[in-house]
Amino acid sequence: MQADGPNQAEKSYIGVDLSGPTLRAALVSAAGEVARVLEAPLEREQLVEQIARVVADLRGGTSVEALGVGLPGLVDPRTGRVHFSTDLPLREEFYADLAGATGLPLLLENDANAAAYGEYVLGAGRASQSIFYVMLGYGIGGALIFDGQIWRGASGFAGEFGHITIDPDGIQCACGNVGCLETVASAPNIVRRTHERLFRDSTSSLSKLAVNRDFTVSDITREARNGDDFALLMIERTGRYIGTAIAAIINLLNVERIILGGIVMEAGELLLDPIIREARRRSFQPCFETTQIVAAQLGLDSVLIGAALLAAQKAGA
C-alpha cells in the first residue's frame, strides 16, 4: 500500500526488513500506508550504523513514534534478544545499541511474524480468524496468527516452518539439522538444486539456464514463464516439497488460510498450483477443503508494514 506522503497530523512509524541481501526500510502511517521506501545493500558487519543512517533519512522532518525491525532468526520481542540467526552476525548488545543509535522505541521481531501480521491486517489474511504465513525467501520462515494474535509458543519461537525435516537423507541445514525444507526450497537452495541437475543431466543443458552460470531464482522463474521445460520442472519439484510440508500444517492445525509470500513466490501460479496439488494429495480432505492456500498480497512490503505496526502496538499507539 503506497501513499503520496505522510499526513503530518498522523503518527508515523518506521519498519525495517533484514531478511535478504538488501536492507529495506519504510516510513509507515498508523493505518499501514507506506509513504516512502529506502533500499541499500545490507552491511552485515555494520548493521546498527546502517539502520541508524536509513532511519535518519526516512525521518527527515517527520515525527516518528517507533521503529520495528524484522529479521531472520529466533527473536524475543519482549526483551529484544536475538537468540539465534543463521544469516546475521548479531551481537548480544544489538538491541541496546540500535535503540541508542536511533533514539526511538524499538521492537525486534522475527521477519516471518512481521510479514504475517502485515498480511493479516492489510493483505491476504484480512477477515480471517486463523492464518499460517509462509515466507519463501533466502531462508524459509513461518508464523501463526489466531484471533489477531501471533502465536509464539512456550518459548516464544513458534513457526519455524523452514526447519521441518522434509528429506532425512538430504544435506545439512545451516541450523545443524539434516534435510530441512529450507535446504530444498529456499531461494539459494533452489538455485543449488538447479545447478546440480544441470551438471549431471545432459538433456537439461538444452535449458537457457545453462548459458548463465550465475543465474538466480528470479531467472529460473523468468525462463519457466517463457516455457523452458527444465525451469518448469525445477519449480514443479520445489512446489511438491513445499506442498508436502503444507499438508502437515493443514492436518495439524486446520487453519482457515495459508498465505505464501517471499521472493520465491515471484513464480506465482507456476509454484502455487503444484503446492496446492501436493497439499491436497497429502492432507485429510475435510481439513484441506476448509483451508484456503493463497499468495500474499503485500509483496516485499509485508515485513516493513508488519514490523512498523507491531512497533506501534508495543509503543501503545
Protein backbone atom coordinates (compact mmCIF):
# COMPACT_ATOMS: atom_id res chain seq x y z
CA MET A 1 0.00 0.00 0.00
CA GLN A 2 1.73 3.15 -1.20
CA ALA A 3 0.76 6.69 -0.22
CA ASP A 4 1.93 10.06 -1.61
CA GLY A 5 3.35 11.12 1.73
CA PRO A 6 2.61 11.11 5.46
CA ASN A 7 -0.10 13.29 6.88
CA GLN A 8 1.72 15.47 9.41
CA ALA A 9 -1.22 15.10 11.81
CA GLU A 10 -0.84 11.32 11.75
CA LYS A 11 1.62 9.30 13.75
CA SER A 12 4.35 7.68 11.67
CA TYR A 13 6.49 4.61 12.25
CA ILE A 14 9.46 3.03 10.54
CA GLY A 15 9.66 -0.61 9.52
CA VAL A 16 12.94 -2.28 8.53
CA ASP A 17 13.41 -5.62 6.76
CA LEU A 18 16.72 -7.50 7.19
CA SER A 19 15.56 -10.80 5.66
CA GLY A 20 17.66 -10.71 2.48
CA PRO A 21 20.87 -9.30 0.99
CA THR A 22 19.19 -5.89 0.69
CA LEU A 23 18.11 -3.74 3.63
CA ARG A 24 14.66 -2.26 3.03
CA ALA A 25 13.09 0.39 5.25
CA ALA A 26 9.84 2.34 5.04
CA LEU A 27 8.02 5.21 6.66
CA VAL A 28 4.58 3.83 7.53
CA SER A 29 1.43 5.51 8.81
CA ALA A 30 -0.68 4.17 11.68
CA ALA A 31 -3.08 2.86 9.01
CA GLY A 32 -0.31 0.87 7.35
CA GLU A 33 0.18 3.18 4.37
CA VAL A 34 3.74 3.20 3.04
CA ALA A 35 4.86 6.77 2.45
CA ARG A 36 8.47 6.20 1.44
CA VAL A 37 10.84 3.24 0.95
CA LEU A 38 14.64 3.16 1.01
CA GLU A 39 16.82 0.24 -0.09
CA ALA A 40 20.55 -0.46 0.17
CA PRO A 41 22.87 -3.49 0.11
CA LEU A 42 22.97 -4.98 3.59
CA GLU A 43 26.08 -4.01 5.57
CA ARG A 44 26.19 -7.15 7.69
CA GLU A 45 29.11 -6.07 9.87
CA GLN A 46 27.77 -2.54 10.48
CA LEU A 47 24.05 -3.05 10.81
CA VAL A 48 23.49 -0.65 13.69
CA GLU A 49 25.22 2.19 11.88
CA GLN A 50 23.46 1.42 8.59
CA ILE A 51 19.99 1.23 10.14
CA ALA A 52 20.59 4.46 12.06
CA ARG A 53 21.52 6.25 8.82
CA VAL A 54 18.48 4.94 6.98
CA VAL A 55 16.17 5.82 9.86
CA ALA A 56 17.57 9.36 9.93
CA ASP A 57 16.98 9.70 6.17
CA LEU A 58 13.39 8.48 6.48
CA ARG A 59 12.57 10.68 9.45
CA GLY A 60 13.54 13.95 7.82
CA GLY A 61 11.21 16.47 9.42
CA THR A 62 8.57 13.83 10.22
CA SER A 63 7.77 12.88 13.80
CA VAL A 64 8.37 9.14 14.12
CA GLU A 65 6.97 7.32 17.14
CA ALA A 66 8.72 3.93 16.99
CA LEU A 67 10.94 1.60 14.97
CA GLY A 68 10.21 -2.03 14.12
CA VAL A 69 12.85 -4.35 12.66
CA GLY A 70 12.05 -7.73 11.10
CA LEU A 71 14.96 -10.15 10.93
CA PRO A 72 15.52 -13.88 10.37
CA GLY A 73 16.06 -15.97 13.48
CA LEU A 74 14.78 -16.70 16.95
CA VAL A 75 13.81 -13.31 18.37
CA ASP A 76 12.22 -12.45 21.70
CA PRO A 77 10.31 -9.19 21.02
CA ARG A 78 9.73 -8.67 24.75
CA THR A 79 13.44 -8.35 25.56
CA GLY A 80 14.89 -7.63 22.12
CA ARG A 81 17.26 -10.57 22.43
CA VAL A 82 18.14 -12.44 19.23
CA HIS A 83 18.79 -16.00 20.41
CA PHE A 84 19.81 -17.38 17.01
CA SER A 85 20.14 -16.20 13.44
CA THR A 86 21.63 -18.26 10.63
CA ASP A 87 22.04 -15.16 8.44
CA LEU A 88 23.12 -12.21 10.58
CA PRO A 89 26.13 -11.79 12.91
CA LEU A 90 24.21 -10.01 15.66
CA ARG A 91 25.92 -9.15 18.93
CA GLU A 92 24.26 -9.51 22.32
CA GLU A 93 24.12 -5.72 22.52
CA PHE A 94 22.34 -5.27 19.16
CA TYR A 95 19.01 -4.17 20.66
CA ALA A 96 20.54 -1.68 23.12
CA ASP A 97 22.97 -0.34 20.53
CA LEU A 98 20.25 0.20 17.92
CA ALA A 99 17.84 1.82 20.38
CA GLY A 100 20.61 4.18 21.45
CA ALA A 101 21.71 4.98 17.89
CA THR A 102 18.20 5.83 16.70
CA GLY A 103 16.70 7.29 19.87
CA LEU A 104 13.41 5.54 19.11
CA PRO A 105 11.29 2.99 20.98
CA LEU A 106 12.39 -0.25 19.33
CA LEU A 107 10.82 -3.62 18.53
CA LEU A 108 12.82 -6.53 17.13
CA GLU A 109 10.64 -9.22 15.56
CA ASN A 110 11.09 -12.38 13.56
CA ASP A 111 10.69 -11.45 9.89
CA ALA A 112 8.00 -14.05 9.18
CA ASN A 113 5.97 -12.90 12.20
CA ALA A 114 6.20 -9.31 10.95
CA ALA A 115 5.17 -10.28 7.42
CA ALA A 116 2.31 -12.41 8.72
CA TYR A 117 0.97 -9.51 10.77
CA GLY A 118 1.15 -7.18 7.79
CA GLU A 119 -0.79 -9.67 5.64
CA TYR A 120 -3.28 -10.32 8.43
CA VAL A 121 -4.09 -6.64 8.85
CA LEU A 122 -3.90 -5.36 5.28
CA GLY A 123 -3.24 -8.22 2.87
CA ALA A 124 -4.31 -11.76 2.08
CA GLY A 125 -5.18 -12.54 5.71
CA ARG A 126 -7.91 -9.94 6.12
CA ALA A 127 -11.21 -11.24 7.52
CA SER A 128 -9.56 -14.49 8.68
CA GLN A 129 -9.64 -15.80 12.22
CA SER A 130 -6.63 -18.08 11.81
CA ILE A 131 -3.74 -17.97 9.34
CA PHE A 132 -0.41 -19.64 8.79
CA TYR A 133 2.02 -17.47 6.86
CA VAL A 134 4.98 -18.92 4.97
CA MET A 135 7.94 -16.77 3.92
CA LEU A 136 9.73 -18.37 0.95
CA GLY A 137 12.83 -16.26 0.55
CA TYR A 138 16.56 -16.53 1.15
CA GLY A 139 15.50 -18.62 4.12
CA ILE A 140 12.09 -20.07 4.95
CA GLY A 141 10.02 -18.90 7.89
CA GLY A 142 6.52 -19.37 9.17
CA ALA A 143 4.10 -17.64 11.51
CA LEU A 144 0.77 -18.41 13.14
CA ILE A 145 -1.90 -15.85 13.92
CA PHE A 146 -5.00 -16.80 15.90
CA ASP A 147 -7.72 -14.23 16.57
CA GLY A 148 -5.42 -11.33 15.78
CA GLN A 149 -2.54 -12.51 17.98
CA ILE A 150 0.77 -14.01 16.88
CA TRP A 151 1.06 -17.48 18.40
CA ARG A 152 4.57 -17.59 19.83
CA GLY A 153 4.59 -20.90 21.69
CA ALA A 154 6.02 -21.72 25.11
CA SER A 155 9.47 -20.25 24.46
CA GLY A 156 8.35 -17.53 22.04
CA PHE A 157 9.78 -19.10 18.88
CA ALA A 158 6.87 -20.95 17.27
CA GLY A 159 6.55 -21.07 13.49
CA GLU A 160 9.97 -22.27 12.28
CA PHE A 161 8.42 -23.86 9.21
CA GLY A 162 11.66 -23.91 7.24
CA HIS A 163 13.18 -26.37 9.67
CA ILE A 164 10.60 -29.11 9.27
CA THR A 165 12.53 -32.17 8.08
CA ILE A 166 11.48 -32.91 4.51
CA ASP A 167 14.34 -35.23 3.45
CA PRO A 168 16.03 -37.23 6.25
CA ASP A 169 18.79 -38.22 3.81
CA GLY A 170 19.29 -34.71 2.49
CA ILE A 171 22.02 -32.12 3.07
CA GLN A 172 22.86 -30.40 6.32
CA CYS A 173 20.99 -27.19 7.03
CA ALA A 174 22.57 -24.04 8.47
CA CYS A 175 20.61 -24.77 11.65
CA GLY A 176 22.57 -28.04 12.14
CA ASN A 177 19.72 -30.40 11.23
CA VAL A 178 19.70 -32.51 8.06
CA GLY A 179 17.12 -32.28 5.28
CA CYS A 180 15.13 -29.22 6.42
CA LEU A 181 12.61 -27.74 3.99
CA GLU A 182 14.93 -24.73 3.74
CA THR A 183 17.64 -26.93 2.20
CA VAL A 184 15.49 -27.61 -0.86
CA ALA A 185 13.01 -24.75 -1.19
CA SER A 186 14.74 -21.50 -0.15
CA ALA A 187 15.92 -19.25 -2.99
CA PRO A 188 19.63 -20.17 -2.72
CA ASN A 189 18.85 -23.87 -2.47
CA ILE A 190 16.50 -23.85 -5.46
CA VAL A 191 19.44 -22.38 -7.40
CA ARG A 192 21.80 -25.01 -5.92
CA ARG A 193 19.49 -27.88 -6.91
CA THR A 194 19.11 -26.42 -10.39
CA HIS A 195 22.90 -26.15 -10.84
CA GLU A 196 23.35 -29.75 -9.70
CA ARG A 197 20.71 -31.02 -12.12
CA LEU A 198 22.22 -29.04 -14.99
CA PHE A 199 25.62 -30.57 -14.20
CA ARG A 200 24.56 -34.22 -14.09
CA ASP A 201 21.78 -34.36 -16.71
CA SER A 202 22.91 -33.81 -20.31
CA THR A 203 19.37 -33.19 -21.55
CA SER A 204 18.99 -30.26 -19.16
CA SER A 205 21.82 -28.46 -20.96
CA LEU A 206 19.21 -27.53 -23.56
CA SER A 207 17.75 -25.15 -20.98
CA LYS A 208 18.53 -21.45 -21.39
CA LEU A 209 19.68 -21.52 -17.77
CA ALA A 210 22.77 -23.48 -18.81
CA VAL A 211 24.11 -20.41 -20.63
CA ASN A 212 24.40 -18.36 -17.41
CA ARG A 213 26.28 -19.97 -14.52
CA ASP A 214 25.30 -17.16 -12.11
CA PHE A 215 21.54 -17.35 -12.50
CA THR A 216 19.14 -16.57 -9.64
CA VAL A 217 15.75 -17.88 -8.59
CA SER A 218 14.24 -14.93 -10.47
CA ASP A 219 15.99 -16.14 -13.63
CA ILE A 220 14.52 -19.61 -13.13
CA THR A 221 11.07 -18.07 -12.78
CA ARG A 222 11.53 -15.96 -15.90
CA GLU A 223 12.62 -18.91 -18.03
CA ALA A 224 9.75 -21.00 -16.69
CA ARG A 225 7.31 -18.29 -17.74
CA ASN A 226 8.97 -18.32 -21.17
CA GLY A 227 8.25 -22.03 -21.49
CA ASP A 228 11.63 -23.55 -20.57
CA ASP A 229 10.78 -27.16 -19.69
CA PHE A 230 13.73 -27.60 -17.33
CA ALA A 231 12.94 -24.42 -15.37
CA LEU A 232 9.31 -25.51 -15.15
CA LEU A 233 10.44 -28.90 -13.83
CA MET A 234 12.52 -27.32 -11.08
CA ILE A 235 9.65 -25.07 -9.97
CA GLU A 236 7.24 -28.01 -10.06
CA ARG A 237 9.54 -30.10 -7.84
CA THR A 238 10.01 -27.20 -5.45
CA GLY A 239 6.24 -26.91 -5.22
CA ARG A 240 5.98 -30.57 -4.32
CA TYR A 241 8.44 -30.16 -1.44
CA ILE A 242 6.57 -27.13 -0.12
CA GLY A 243 3.18 -28.78 -0.61
CA THR A 244 4.31 -31.79 1.41
CA ALA A 245 5.20 -29.53 4.34
CA ILE A 246 2.00 -27.50 3.91
CA ALA A 247 -0.04 -30.71 4.20
CA ALA A 248 1.47 -31.31 7.64
CA ILE A 249 0.34 -27.82 8.70
CA ILE A 250 -3.16 -28.42 7.34
CA ASN A 251 -3.51 -31.74 9.17
CA LEU A 252 -2.00 -30.43 12.38
CA LEU A 253 -3.64 -27.01 12.67
CA ASN A 254 -6.61 -26.94 10.29
CA VAL A 255 -6.19 -23.17 9.92
CA GLU A 256 -8.55 -21.10 7.83
CA ARG A 257 -5.95 -19.67 5.44
CA ILE A 258 -2.35 -20.43 4.47
CA ILE A 259 -0.57 -17.46 2.89
CA LEU A 260 2.59 -17.86 0.81
CA GLY A 261 4.94 -14.90 0.42
CA GLY A 262 8.59 -14.07 -0.20
CA ILE A 263 10.77 -13.73 -3.28
CA VAL A 264 10.27 -17.37 -4.35
CA MET A 265 6.56 -16.62 -4.83
CA GLU A 266 7.50 -14.42 -7.79
CA ALA A 267 6.75 -17.65 -9.66
CA GLY A 268 3.06 -17.12 -8.85
CA GLU A 269 0.70 -19.80 -10.16
CA LEU A 270 3.61 -21.81 -11.58
CA LEU A 271 4.60 -22.57 -7.97
CA LEU A 272 1.26 -22.17 -6.22
CA ASP A 273 -0.51 -24.80 -8.35
CA PRO A 274 1.90 -27.69 -7.57
CA ILE A 275 1.91 -26.66 -3.90
CA ILE A 276 -1.87 -26.93 -3.78
CA ARG A 277 -1.90 -30.23 -5.71
CA GLU A 278 0.62 -31.85 -3.39
CA ALA A 279 -1.06 -30.47 -0.25
CA ARG A 280 -4.40 -31.83 -1.47
CA ARG A 281 -2.86 -35.25 -2.12
CA ARG A 282 -1.30 -35.49 1.33
CA SER A 283 -3.96 -33.85 3.55
CA PHE A 284 -7.10 -35.16 5.15
CA GLN A 285 -9.77 -33.93 2.75
CA PRO A 286 -12.09 -32.37 5.37
CA CYS A 287 -9.13 -30.32 6.60
CA PHE A 288 -7.94 -29.41 3.10
CA GLU A 289 -11.40 -28.33 1.95
CA THR A 290 -11.70 -25.80 4.77
CA THR A 291 -8.23 -24.28 4.23
CA GLN A 292 -7.51 -21.68 1.56
CA ILE A 293 -3.95 -21.67 0.18
CA VAL A 294 -3.26 -18.26 -1.36
CA ALA A 295 -0.43 -15.97 -2.44
CA ALA A 296 0.46 -12.99 -0.25
CA GLN A 297 -0.73 -9.58 -1.43
CA LEU A 298 1.72 -7.08 0.04
CA GLY A 299 4.81 -8.33 -1.77
CA LEU A 300 8.14 -7.12 -0.36
CA ASP A 301 6.36 -4.56 1.84
CA SER A 302 4.78 -7.15 4.14
CA VAL A 303 7.70 -7.22 6.60
CA LEU A 304 8.01 -3.42 6.57
CA ILE A 305 4.33 -2.85 7.26
CA GLY A 306 4.05 -5.60 9.86
CA ALA A 307 7.19 -4.52 11.75
CA ALA A 308 6.03 -0.90 11.82
CA LEU A 309 2.52 -1.78 13.02
CA LEU A 310 3.84 -4.15 15.69
CA ALA A 311 6.22 -1.43 16.87
CA ALA A 312 3.24 0.93 17.06
CA GLN A 313 1.35 -1.66 19.07
CA LYS A 314 4.25 -2.05 21.52
CA ALA A 315 4.55 1.74 21.84
CA GLY A 316 0.90 1.88 22.87
CA ALA A 317 -0.46 3.59 19.76
